[in-house]
N, C-alpha and C. Protein backbone atom coordinates (compact mmCIF):
# COMPACT_ATOMS: atom_id res chain seq x y z
N MET A 1 119.02 108.90 190.68
CA MET A 1 118.94 109.42 189.32
C MET A 1 117.72 108.81 188.63
N SER A 2 116.93 109.63 187.99
CA SER A 2 115.72 109.14 187.35
C SER A 2 115.99 108.68 185.93
N ALA A 3 115.11 107.83 185.44
CA ALA A 3 115.20 107.35 184.06
C ALA A 3 114.70 108.46 183.14
N PRO A 4 115.10 108.43 181.86
CA PRO A 4 114.62 109.46 180.95
C PRO A 4 113.13 109.33 180.64
N LEU A 5 112.61 108.09 180.59
CA LEU A 5 111.21 107.88 180.21
C LEU A 5 110.68 106.62 180.87
N GLN A 6 109.40 106.68 181.23
CA GLN A 6 108.67 105.49 181.63
C GLN A 6 107.29 105.53 180.98
N VAL A 7 106.75 104.35 180.71
CA VAL A 7 105.41 104.21 180.16
C VAL A 7 104.65 103.32 181.11
N LEU A 8 103.50 103.80 181.56
CA LEU A 8 102.73 103.01 182.53
C LEU A 8 101.24 103.16 182.29
N PHE A 9 100.51 102.20 182.82
CA PHE A 9 99.05 102.21 182.75
C PHE A 9 98.46 102.85 184.00
N CYS A 10 97.32 103.49 183.83
CA CYS A 10 96.52 103.98 184.94
C CYS A 10 95.07 103.69 184.60
N THR A 11 94.55 102.64 185.18
CA THR A 11 93.16 102.27 184.96
C THR A 11 92.55 101.94 186.31
N GLY A 12 91.25 101.75 186.33
CA GLY A 12 90.62 101.29 187.55
C GLY A 12 91.05 99.86 187.84
N GLN A 13 90.81 99.43 189.05
CA GLN A 13 91.23 98.08 189.44
C GLN A 13 90.04 97.12 189.37
N SER A 14 90.11 96.19 188.45
CA SER A 14 89.10 95.14 188.40
C SER A 14 89.22 94.22 189.60
N ASP A 15 90.44 94.13 190.13
CA ASP A 15 90.73 93.35 191.32
C ASP A 15 91.52 94.23 192.28
N PRO A 16 90.89 94.77 193.34
CA PRO A 16 91.58 95.69 194.23
C PRO A 16 92.76 95.08 194.99
N ARG A 17 92.91 93.76 194.93
CA ARG A 17 94.04 93.11 195.60
C ARG A 17 95.26 93.02 194.69
N SER A 18 95.14 93.57 193.46
CA SER A 18 96.23 93.44 192.50
C SER A 18 96.40 94.72 191.69
N CYS A 19 97.63 94.98 191.30
CA CYS A 19 97.87 96.04 190.32
C CYS A 19 98.74 95.50 189.18
N ALA A 20 98.74 94.18 189.05
CA ALA A 20 99.48 93.54 187.97
C ALA A 20 98.80 93.84 186.64
N LEU A 21 99.58 93.89 185.59
CA LEU A 21 99.01 94.13 184.26
C LEU A 21 98.23 92.91 183.79
N SER A 22 97.18 93.18 183.05
CA SER A 22 96.44 92.09 182.41
C SER A 22 97.27 91.60 181.23
N PRO A 23 96.98 90.41 180.72
CA PRO A 23 97.71 89.95 179.53
C PRO A 23 97.56 90.92 178.35
N GLU A 24 96.40 91.56 178.20
CA GLU A 24 96.19 92.51 177.11
C GLU A 24 97.07 93.76 177.29
N GLN A 25 97.17 94.23 178.52
CA GLN A 25 98.02 95.40 178.79
C GLN A 25 99.48 95.06 178.53
N GLN A 26 99.93 93.91 178.99
CA GLN A 26 101.32 93.50 178.77
C GLN A 26 101.61 93.35 177.28
N ALA A 27 100.67 92.76 176.53
CA ALA A 27 100.85 92.59 175.09
C ALA A 27 100.94 93.96 174.40
N PHE A 28 100.16 94.93 174.87
CA PHE A 28 100.20 96.27 174.29
C PHE A 28 101.56 96.91 174.54
N LEU A 29 102.06 96.83 175.75
CA LEU A 29 103.40 97.36 176.05
C LEU A 29 104.46 96.67 175.19
N ASP A 30 104.35 95.36 175.04
CA ASP A 30 105.30 94.62 174.22
C ASP A 30 105.26 95.11 172.77
N ALA A 31 104.05 95.39 172.26
CA ALA A 31 103.88 95.85 170.88
C ALA A 31 104.46 97.25 170.68
N LEU A 32 104.57 98.04 171.75
CA LEU A 32 105.18 99.37 171.63
C LEU A 32 106.67 99.28 171.36
N ASP A 33 107.27 98.12 171.63
CA ASP A 33 108.70 97.89 171.37
C ASP A 33 109.56 98.96 172.05
N LEU A 34 109.37 99.09 173.34
CA LEU A 34 110.06 100.11 174.14
C LEU A 34 111.48 99.68 174.49
N PRO A 35 112.37 100.65 174.70
CA PRO A 35 113.71 100.29 175.19
C PRO A 35 113.61 99.61 176.56
N ASP A 36 114.61 98.85 176.91
CA ASP A 36 114.62 98.15 178.20
C ASP A 36 114.41 99.12 179.36
N GLY A 37 113.59 98.71 180.31
CA GLY A 37 113.38 99.48 181.52
C GLY A 37 112.38 100.62 181.41
N VAL A 38 111.81 100.85 180.23
CA VAL A 38 110.87 101.95 180.04
C VAL A 38 109.45 101.55 180.47
N ALA A 39 109.05 100.33 180.18
CA ALA A 39 107.70 99.87 180.53
C ALA A 39 107.62 99.53 182.02
N VAL A 40 106.64 100.10 182.69
CA VAL A 40 106.41 99.81 184.11
C VAL A 40 105.51 98.59 184.17
N PRO A 41 105.96 97.51 184.87
CA PRO A 41 105.23 96.25 184.84
C PRO A 41 104.05 96.16 185.81
N MET A 42 103.48 97.31 186.20
CA MET A 42 102.30 97.28 187.07
C MET A 42 101.43 98.49 186.79
N ASN A 43 100.23 98.42 187.29
CA ASN A 43 99.18 99.41 187.07
C ASN A 43 98.93 100.16 188.39
N PHE A 44 98.04 101.14 188.35
CA PHE A 44 97.62 101.84 189.57
C PHE A 44 97.18 100.81 190.60
N PRO A 45 97.58 100.91 191.85
CA PRO A 45 98.27 102.00 192.55
C PRO A 45 99.78 101.82 192.66
N TYR A 46 100.38 101.02 191.77
CA TYR A 46 101.84 100.87 191.69
C TYR A 46 102.44 100.33 192.98
N ASP A 47 101.87 99.25 193.45
CA ASP A 47 102.31 98.60 194.68
C ASP A 47 102.75 97.18 194.33
N ALA A 48 104.05 96.96 194.24
CA ALA A 48 104.59 95.65 193.85
C ALA A 48 104.25 94.55 194.85
N GLY A 49 103.82 94.91 196.04
CA GLY A 49 103.49 93.91 197.05
C GLY A 49 102.10 93.31 196.90
N LEU A 50 101.33 93.79 195.95
CA LEU A 50 99.98 93.25 195.76
C LEU A 50 100.03 91.94 194.98
N ALA A 51 98.91 91.27 194.91
CA ALA A 51 98.80 89.94 194.29
C ALA A 51 99.03 90.00 192.78
N PRO A 52 99.40 88.84 192.20
CA PRO A 52 99.53 88.77 190.74
C PRO A 52 98.16 88.89 190.06
N HIS A 53 98.19 89.08 188.74
CA HIS A 53 96.95 89.21 187.97
C HIS A 53 96.09 87.95 188.08
N ARG A 54 94.81 88.17 188.24
CA ARG A 54 93.82 87.09 188.20
C ARG A 54 92.67 87.56 187.33
N ALA A 55 92.14 86.68 186.53
CA ALA A 55 90.99 87.03 185.70
C ALA A 55 89.79 87.30 186.61
N VAL A 56 89.02 88.32 186.25
CA VAL A 56 87.84 88.72 187.02
C VAL A 56 86.66 88.71 186.07
N PRO A 57 85.53 88.14 186.47
CA PRO A 57 84.35 88.16 185.59
C PRO A 57 83.95 89.61 185.27
N LEU A 58 83.45 89.84 184.07
CA LEU A 58 83.10 91.18 183.62
C LEU A 58 82.10 91.85 184.56
N TRP A 59 81.12 91.12 185.04
CA TRP A 59 80.12 91.73 185.92
C TRP A 59 80.75 92.26 187.20
N LEU A 60 81.72 91.50 187.75
CA LEU A 60 82.38 91.91 188.99
C LEU A 60 83.33 93.09 188.73
N ALA A 61 84.06 93.04 187.63
CA ALA A 61 84.94 94.15 187.27
C ALA A 61 84.13 95.43 187.07
N SER A 62 83.00 95.33 186.41
CA SER A 62 82.14 96.49 186.18
C SER A 62 81.63 97.06 187.49
N LEU A 63 81.21 96.19 188.40
CA LEU A 63 80.74 96.64 189.70
C LEU A 63 81.86 97.34 190.47
N ARG A 64 83.04 96.78 190.45
CA ARG A 64 84.18 97.38 191.16
C ARG A 64 84.56 98.74 190.57
N HIS A 65 84.45 98.89 189.26
CA HIS A 65 84.74 100.18 188.63
C HIS A 65 83.67 101.21 188.99
N LEU A 66 82.44 100.78 189.10
CA LEU A 66 81.37 101.68 189.52
C LEU A 66 81.60 102.16 190.95
N VAL A 67 81.98 101.25 191.83
CA VAL A 67 82.30 101.60 193.21
C VAL A 67 83.49 102.56 193.25
N LEU A 68 84.50 102.31 192.44
CA LEU A 68 85.67 103.18 192.38
C LEU A 68 85.28 104.58 191.90
N ALA A 69 84.37 104.66 190.93
CA ALA A 69 83.91 105.96 190.43
C ALA A 69 83.29 106.80 191.54
N VAL A 70 82.68 106.15 192.50
CA VAL A 70 82.12 106.86 193.66
C VAL A 70 83.23 107.18 194.65
N ARG A 71 84.07 106.21 194.95
CA ARG A 71 85.13 106.39 195.97
C ARG A 71 86.11 107.50 195.64
N ILE A 72 86.46 107.67 194.36
CA ILE A 72 87.45 108.70 194.02
C ILE A 72 86.93 110.11 194.29
N ARG A 73 85.64 110.22 194.53
CA ARG A 73 85.03 111.52 194.83
C ARG A 73 84.92 111.78 196.33
N LEU A 74 85.24 110.80 197.15
CA LEU A 74 85.10 110.94 198.60
C LEU A 74 86.31 111.65 199.22
N PRO A 75 86.08 112.41 200.28
CA PRO A 75 87.19 113.06 200.98
C PRO A 75 88.17 112.00 201.48
N GLY A 76 89.44 112.28 201.32
CA GLY A 76 90.47 111.37 201.82
C GLY A 76 90.96 110.36 200.81
N TRP A 77 90.19 110.09 199.77
CA TRP A 77 90.62 109.08 198.80
C TRP A 77 91.94 109.50 198.15
N ALA A 78 91.99 110.72 197.63
CA ALA A 78 93.19 111.18 196.92
C ALA A 78 94.40 111.26 197.84
N SER A 79 94.22 111.82 199.03
CA SER A 79 95.36 111.99 199.93
C SER A 79 95.95 110.65 200.37
N ALA A 80 95.14 109.60 200.41
CA ALA A 80 95.63 108.28 200.80
C ALA A 80 96.43 107.60 199.68
N ARG A 81 96.32 108.09 198.44
CA ARG A 81 96.98 107.44 197.30
C ARG A 81 97.98 108.32 196.58
N ARG A 82 97.92 109.60 196.80
CA ARG A 82 98.73 110.56 196.05
C ARG A 82 100.23 110.29 196.15
N ALA A 83 100.73 110.03 197.35
CA ALA A 83 102.18 109.87 197.54
C ALA A 83 102.74 108.71 196.71
N ARG A 84 102.05 107.58 196.68
CA ARG A 84 102.55 106.43 195.92
C ARG A 84 102.57 106.72 194.43
N VAL A 85 101.51 107.35 193.92
CA VAL A 85 101.45 107.67 192.49
C VAL A 85 102.49 108.73 192.15
N GLU A 86 102.60 109.75 192.98
CA GLU A 86 103.60 110.80 192.74
C GLU A 86 105.01 110.22 192.73
N ALA A 87 105.30 109.32 193.67
CA ALA A 87 106.62 108.69 193.71
C ALA A 87 106.89 107.91 192.42
N GLN A 88 105.88 107.21 191.91
CA GLN A 88 106.06 106.47 190.66
C GLN A 88 106.32 107.43 189.51
N LEU A 89 105.59 108.52 189.43
CA LEU A 89 105.77 109.48 188.33
C LEU A 89 107.12 110.18 188.41
N ARG A 90 107.66 110.35 189.60
CA ARG A 90 108.96 111.01 189.77
C ARG A 90 110.14 110.10 189.42
N ARG A 91 109.89 108.84 189.12
CA ARG A 91 110.98 107.91 188.78
C ARG A 91 111.56 108.14 187.39
N ALA A 92 110.94 109.03 186.62
CA ALA A 92 111.45 109.31 185.28
C ALA A 92 111.32 110.80 184.98
N ASP A 93 112.16 111.26 184.06
CA ASP A 93 112.09 112.65 183.62
C ASP A 93 110.78 112.93 182.90
N ARG A 94 110.32 111.95 182.12
CA ARG A 94 109.06 112.06 181.38
C ARG A 94 108.28 110.76 181.57
N THR A 95 106.95 110.88 181.61
CA THR A 95 106.10 109.70 181.76
C THR A 95 104.97 109.77 180.75
N LEU A 96 104.77 108.66 180.04
CA LEU A 96 103.59 108.49 179.20
C LEU A 96 102.64 107.60 179.97
N VAL A 97 101.48 108.15 180.33
CA VAL A 97 100.46 107.40 181.06
C VAL A 97 99.42 106.93 180.06
N LEU A 98 99.16 105.64 180.05
CA LEU A 98 98.10 105.05 179.24
C LEU A 98 96.90 104.90 180.15
N ALA A 99 95.98 105.85 180.07
CA ALA A 99 94.84 105.91 180.99
C ALA A 99 93.60 105.33 180.32
N GLY A 100 93.17 104.19 180.80
CA GLY A 100 91.98 103.55 180.25
C GLY A 100 90.75 103.89 181.07
N SER A 101 89.68 104.26 180.39
CA SER A 101 88.38 104.49 180.99
C SER A 101 88.45 105.49 182.14
N ILE A 102 88.19 105.04 183.35
CA ILE A 102 88.18 105.91 184.53
C ILE A 102 89.58 106.37 184.94
N GLY A 103 90.61 105.81 184.34
CA GLY A 103 91.98 106.17 184.70
C GLY A 103 92.29 107.65 184.57
N LEU A 104 91.70 108.31 183.57
CA LEU A 104 91.94 109.74 183.40
C LEU A 104 91.33 110.53 184.56
N ASP A 105 90.13 110.18 184.97
CA ASP A 105 89.48 110.84 186.10
C ASP A 105 90.24 110.55 187.39
N LEU A 106 90.65 109.32 187.56
CA LEU A 106 91.42 108.91 188.73
C LEU A 106 92.70 109.76 188.84
N LEU A 107 93.41 109.90 187.75
CA LEU A 107 94.65 110.68 187.73
C LEU A 107 94.37 112.15 188.06
N GLY A 108 93.30 112.69 187.52
CA GLY A 108 92.96 114.07 187.79
C GLY A 108 92.56 114.32 189.23
N ARG A 109 91.84 113.40 189.82
CA ARG A 109 91.36 113.57 191.19
C ARG A 109 92.46 113.40 192.23
N LEU A 110 93.62 112.89 191.83
CA LEU A 110 94.75 112.80 192.75
C LEU A 110 95.34 114.18 193.04
N GLU A 111 95.02 115.16 192.19
CA GLU A 111 95.51 116.54 192.37
C GLU A 111 97.02 116.56 192.60
N LEU A 112 97.72 116.00 191.64
CA LEU A 112 99.18 115.93 191.71
C LEU A 112 99.79 117.31 191.51
N PRO A 113 100.99 117.54 192.06
CA PRO A 113 101.65 118.84 191.92
C PRO A 113 101.90 119.20 190.45
N ALA A 114 101.83 120.49 190.16
CA ALA A 114 102.02 120.98 188.79
C ALA A 114 103.38 120.57 188.22
N GLU A 115 104.43 120.57 189.05
CA GLU A 115 105.76 120.22 188.53
C GLU A 115 105.84 118.74 188.15
N VAL A 116 105.02 117.90 188.76
CA VAL A 116 104.96 116.49 188.36
C VAL A 116 104.17 116.36 187.06
N LEU A 117 103.02 117.00 187.00
CA LEU A 117 102.18 116.92 185.80
C LEU A 117 102.85 117.53 184.57
N ALA A 118 103.76 118.47 184.78
CA ALA A 118 104.47 119.08 183.65
C ALA A 118 105.34 118.07 182.92
N ARG A 119 105.66 116.96 183.56
CA ARG A 119 106.51 115.92 182.97
C ARG A 119 105.69 114.74 182.46
N VAL A 120 104.35 114.87 182.48
CA VAL A 120 103.45 113.76 182.14
C VAL A 120 102.68 114.07 180.86
N VAL A 121 102.58 113.06 180.00
CA VAL A 121 101.69 113.09 178.84
C VAL A 121 100.76 111.89 179.01
N VAL A 122 99.47 112.12 178.78
CA VAL A 122 98.49 111.05 178.93
C VAL A 122 97.87 110.73 177.58
N VAL A 123 97.83 109.44 177.24
CA VAL A 123 96.99 108.97 176.14
C VAL A 123 95.84 108.26 176.84
N ALA A 124 94.67 108.90 176.77
CA ALA A 124 93.48 108.38 177.45
C ALA A 124 92.61 107.67 176.43
N TYR A 125 92.43 106.37 176.61
CA TYR A 125 91.61 105.60 175.68
C TYR A 125 90.29 105.23 176.35
N GLY A 126 89.20 105.54 175.64
CA GLY A 126 87.87 105.34 176.23
C GLY A 126 87.70 106.18 177.48
N PRO A 127 88.18 107.45 177.45
CA PRO A 127 88.21 108.23 178.69
C PRO A 127 86.82 108.61 179.19
N VAL A 128 86.63 108.38 180.47
CA VAL A 128 85.43 108.78 181.19
C VAL A 128 85.92 109.64 182.34
N ALA A 129 85.88 110.96 182.16
CA ALA A 129 86.51 111.84 183.15
C ALA A 129 85.78 113.17 183.28
N THR A 130 85.37 113.47 184.49
CA THR A 130 84.80 114.79 184.76
C THR A 130 85.84 115.72 185.35
N ARG A 131 86.98 115.18 185.81
CA ARG A 131 88.06 116.00 186.34
C ARG A 131 89.40 115.45 185.85
N PRO A 132 89.75 115.71 184.59
CA PRO A 132 91.04 115.22 184.07
C PRO A 132 92.21 116.00 184.68
N PRO A 133 93.41 115.44 184.62
CA PRO A 133 94.59 116.14 185.15
C PRO A 133 94.97 117.32 184.26
N ALA A 134 95.68 118.27 184.83
CA ALA A 134 96.13 119.46 184.10
C ALA A 134 97.47 119.17 183.43
N CYS A 135 97.44 118.31 182.43
CA CYS A 135 98.64 117.98 181.67
C CYS A 135 98.23 117.69 180.23
N ARG A 136 99.22 117.57 179.35
CA ARG A 136 98.92 117.27 177.95
C ARG A 136 98.23 115.91 177.87
N THR A 137 97.08 115.91 177.22
CA THR A 137 96.28 114.68 177.13
C THR A 137 95.78 114.50 175.70
N VAL A 138 95.97 113.30 175.17
CA VAL A 138 95.42 112.91 173.88
C VAL A 138 94.28 111.95 174.19
N ARG A 139 93.06 112.35 173.84
CA ARG A 139 91.88 111.53 174.11
C ARG A 139 91.55 110.68 172.88
N VAL A 140 91.47 109.38 173.09
CA VAL A 140 91.16 108.44 172.02
C VAL A 140 89.83 107.79 172.36
N ALA A 141 88.86 107.92 171.45
CA ALA A 141 87.52 107.39 171.73
C ALA A 141 86.92 106.80 170.46
N SER A 142 85.73 106.27 170.60
CA SER A 142 85.03 105.62 169.50
C SER A 142 83.53 105.91 169.61
N ARG A 143 82.90 106.08 168.48
CA ARG A 143 81.44 106.27 168.51
C ARG A 143 80.73 104.98 168.92
N HIS A 144 81.46 103.86 168.91
CA HIS A 144 80.89 102.58 169.34
C HIS A 144 81.01 102.38 170.85
N ASP A 145 81.69 103.29 171.51
CA ASP A 145 81.90 103.21 172.95
C ASP A 145 80.81 104.02 173.64
N TRP A 146 79.82 103.35 174.16
CA TRP A 146 78.67 104.05 174.74
C TRP A 146 79.00 104.82 176.01
N LEU A 147 80.14 104.56 176.64
CA LEU A 147 80.56 105.33 177.81
C LEU A 147 81.35 106.58 177.42
N ALA A 148 82.38 106.41 176.62
CA ALA A 148 83.31 107.50 176.32
C ALA A 148 82.84 108.43 175.21
N ARG A 149 81.86 108.04 174.45
CA ARG A 149 81.47 108.88 173.30
C ARG A 149 80.86 110.21 173.70
N TRP A 150 80.55 110.39 174.96
CA TRP A 150 79.95 111.64 175.43
C TRP A 150 81.00 112.73 175.67
N TRP A 151 82.27 112.37 175.66
CA TRP A 151 83.35 113.34 175.85
C TRP A 151 84.06 113.57 174.52
N ALA A 152 84.64 114.74 174.35
CA ALA A 152 85.36 115.08 173.12
C ALA A 152 86.57 114.16 172.94
N ALA A 153 86.89 113.87 171.69
CA ALA A 153 88.05 113.02 171.39
C ALA A 153 88.98 113.75 170.43
N ASP A 154 90.27 113.49 170.59
CA ASP A 154 91.27 114.01 169.66
C ASP A 154 91.49 113.03 168.51
N VAL A 155 91.33 111.75 168.81
CA VAL A 155 91.51 110.68 167.82
C VAL A 155 90.34 109.73 167.95
N GLU A 156 89.75 109.36 166.82
CA GLU A 156 88.65 108.41 166.84
C GLU A 156 89.13 107.09 166.25
N VAL A 157 88.78 105.99 166.92
CA VAL A 157 89.16 104.65 166.47
C VAL A 157 87.91 103.78 166.41
N GLU A 158 88.05 102.62 165.83
CA GLU A 158 86.97 101.64 165.80
C GLU A 158 87.20 100.68 166.96
N ALA A 159 86.46 100.88 168.03
CA ALA A 159 86.63 100.02 169.21
C ALA A 159 85.41 100.14 170.11
N GLY A 160 85.21 99.12 170.91
CA GLY A 160 84.24 99.19 171.99
C GLY A 160 84.98 99.56 173.26
N HIS A 161 84.26 99.79 174.33
CA HIS A 161 84.89 100.27 175.55
C HIS A 161 85.95 99.31 176.10
N LEU A 162 85.81 98.03 175.82
CA LEU A 162 86.74 97.05 176.39
C LEU A 162 87.83 96.58 175.43
N ASP A 163 87.86 97.10 174.21
CA ASP A 163 88.86 96.56 173.27
C ASP A 163 89.72 97.62 172.58
N TYR A 164 89.94 98.74 173.23
CA TYR A 164 90.83 99.77 172.67
C TYR A 164 92.25 99.26 172.46
N LEU A 165 92.73 98.43 173.36
CA LEU A 165 94.13 97.98 173.25
C LEU A 165 94.37 97.12 172.01
N ALA A 166 93.30 96.67 171.35
CA ALA A 166 93.44 95.91 170.11
C ALA A 166 93.36 96.81 168.88
N ALA A 167 93.09 98.11 169.07
CA ALA A 167 92.95 99.03 167.94
C ALA A 167 94.32 99.48 167.44
N PRO A 168 94.65 99.21 166.17
CA PRO A 168 95.95 99.61 165.64
C PRO A 168 96.17 101.13 165.71
N GLU A 169 95.09 101.90 165.63
CA GLU A 169 95.23 103.36 165.70
C GLU A 169 95.73 103.81 167.07
N LEU A 170 95.29 103.15 168.13
CA LEU A 170 95.77 103.50 169.47
C LEU A 170 97.26 103.18 169.59
N LEU A 171 97.65 102.05 169.07
CA LEU A 171 99.08 101.69 169.09
C LEU A 171 99.90 102.74 168.34
N ALA A 172 99.41 103.19 167.19
CA ALA A 172 100.12 104.20 166.40
C ALA A 172 100.24 105.52 167.17
N VAL A 173 99.17 105.94 167.84
CA VAL A 173 99.20 107.17 168.64
C VAL A 173 100.24 107.04 169.75
N CYS A 174 100.25 105.91 170.42
CA CYS A 174 101.20 105.71 171.53
C CYS A 174 102.64 105.65 171.04
N ARG A 175 102.87 105.01 169.91
CA ARG A 175 104.23 104.97 169.35
C ARG A 175 104.71 106.38 169.01
N GLU A 176 103.82 107.19 168.46
CA GLU A 176 104.17 108.57 168.12
C GLU A 176 104.51 109.37 169.38
N GLU A 177 103.75 109.19 170.43
CA GLU A 177 104.01 109.90 171.69
C GLU A 177 105.34 109.44 172.30
N VAL A 178 105.60 108.14 172.28
CA VAL A 178 106.87 107.64 172.80
C VAL A 178 108.03 108.24 172.03
N ALA A 179 107.93 108.27 170.71
CA ALA A 179 109.00 108.84 169.88
C ALA A 179 109.25 110.30 170.24
N GLY A 180 108.20 111.04 170.54
CA GLY A 180 108.35 112.43 170.91
C GLY A 180 108.93 112.64 172.30
N LEU A 181 108.79 111.65 173.16
CA LEU A 181 109.26 111.76 174.54
C LEU A 181 110.66 111.18 174.77
N LEU A 182 111.08 110.28 173.89
CA LEU A 182 112.42 109.68 174.06
C LEU A 182 113.50 110.72 173.84
N PRO A 183 114.53 110.71 174.67
CA PRO A 183 115.63 111.67 174.47
C PRO A 183 116.33 111.38 173.15
N ARG A 184 116.73 112.43 172.48
CA ARG A 184 117.46 112.30 171.23
C ARG A 184 118.89 111.88 171.52
N SER A 185 119.40 110.90 170.79
CA SER A 185 120.77 110.45 171.03
C SER A 185 121.72 111.11 170.03
N GLY A 186 122.91 111.45 170.53
CA GLY A 186 123.94 112.03 169.65
C GLY A 186 123.54 113.37 169.07
N GLY A 187 124.33 113.94 168.22
CA GLY A 187 124.03 115.15 167.49
C GLY A 187 123.86 116.37 168.39
N ALA A 188 123.10 117.33 167.90
CA ALA A 188 122.90 118.59 168.60
C ALA A 188 122.11 118.39 169.88
N ARG A 189 122.36 119.26 170.85
CA ARG A 189 121.66 119.17 172.13
C ARG A 189 120.81 120.38 172.33
């Protein structure tokens, strides 16, 4: 039996040996004040057997994200990762994906089945995506973000590419999306 809702991150991996949440990501999930069991405690590729979070220097994280931007376009990349991501998304009736930076492109390039994407809503912050997924997506960007400002945004915030999770406007957008996705209790059905 699947859960009614899950909220998870989908971003590039600053450390390919880990999919643990960064302290900033965990703090953001905590600030959403989600019901128990709704927050997924790991990031793409959703493999609990990987190493715990380790801080990575910005230069190395940037290099790894650049390499990932190339790899997601290579034949075989999506097929090698699709099953794990699809299995994670199928664990709930509805999923709110918090896609940071390349995460929106990564999700789109997985070419997930339409019936899975129909249950997904994405809040993409600082989105850098040439092939976004075919699902409802709220794009959050900033004119101060030299990477994401080239793509259209639904919501504009004051943030740089690395500090969206500190923007109160992003938190408000995510809280609104969670409220819309949570099942209504009691009353009319």
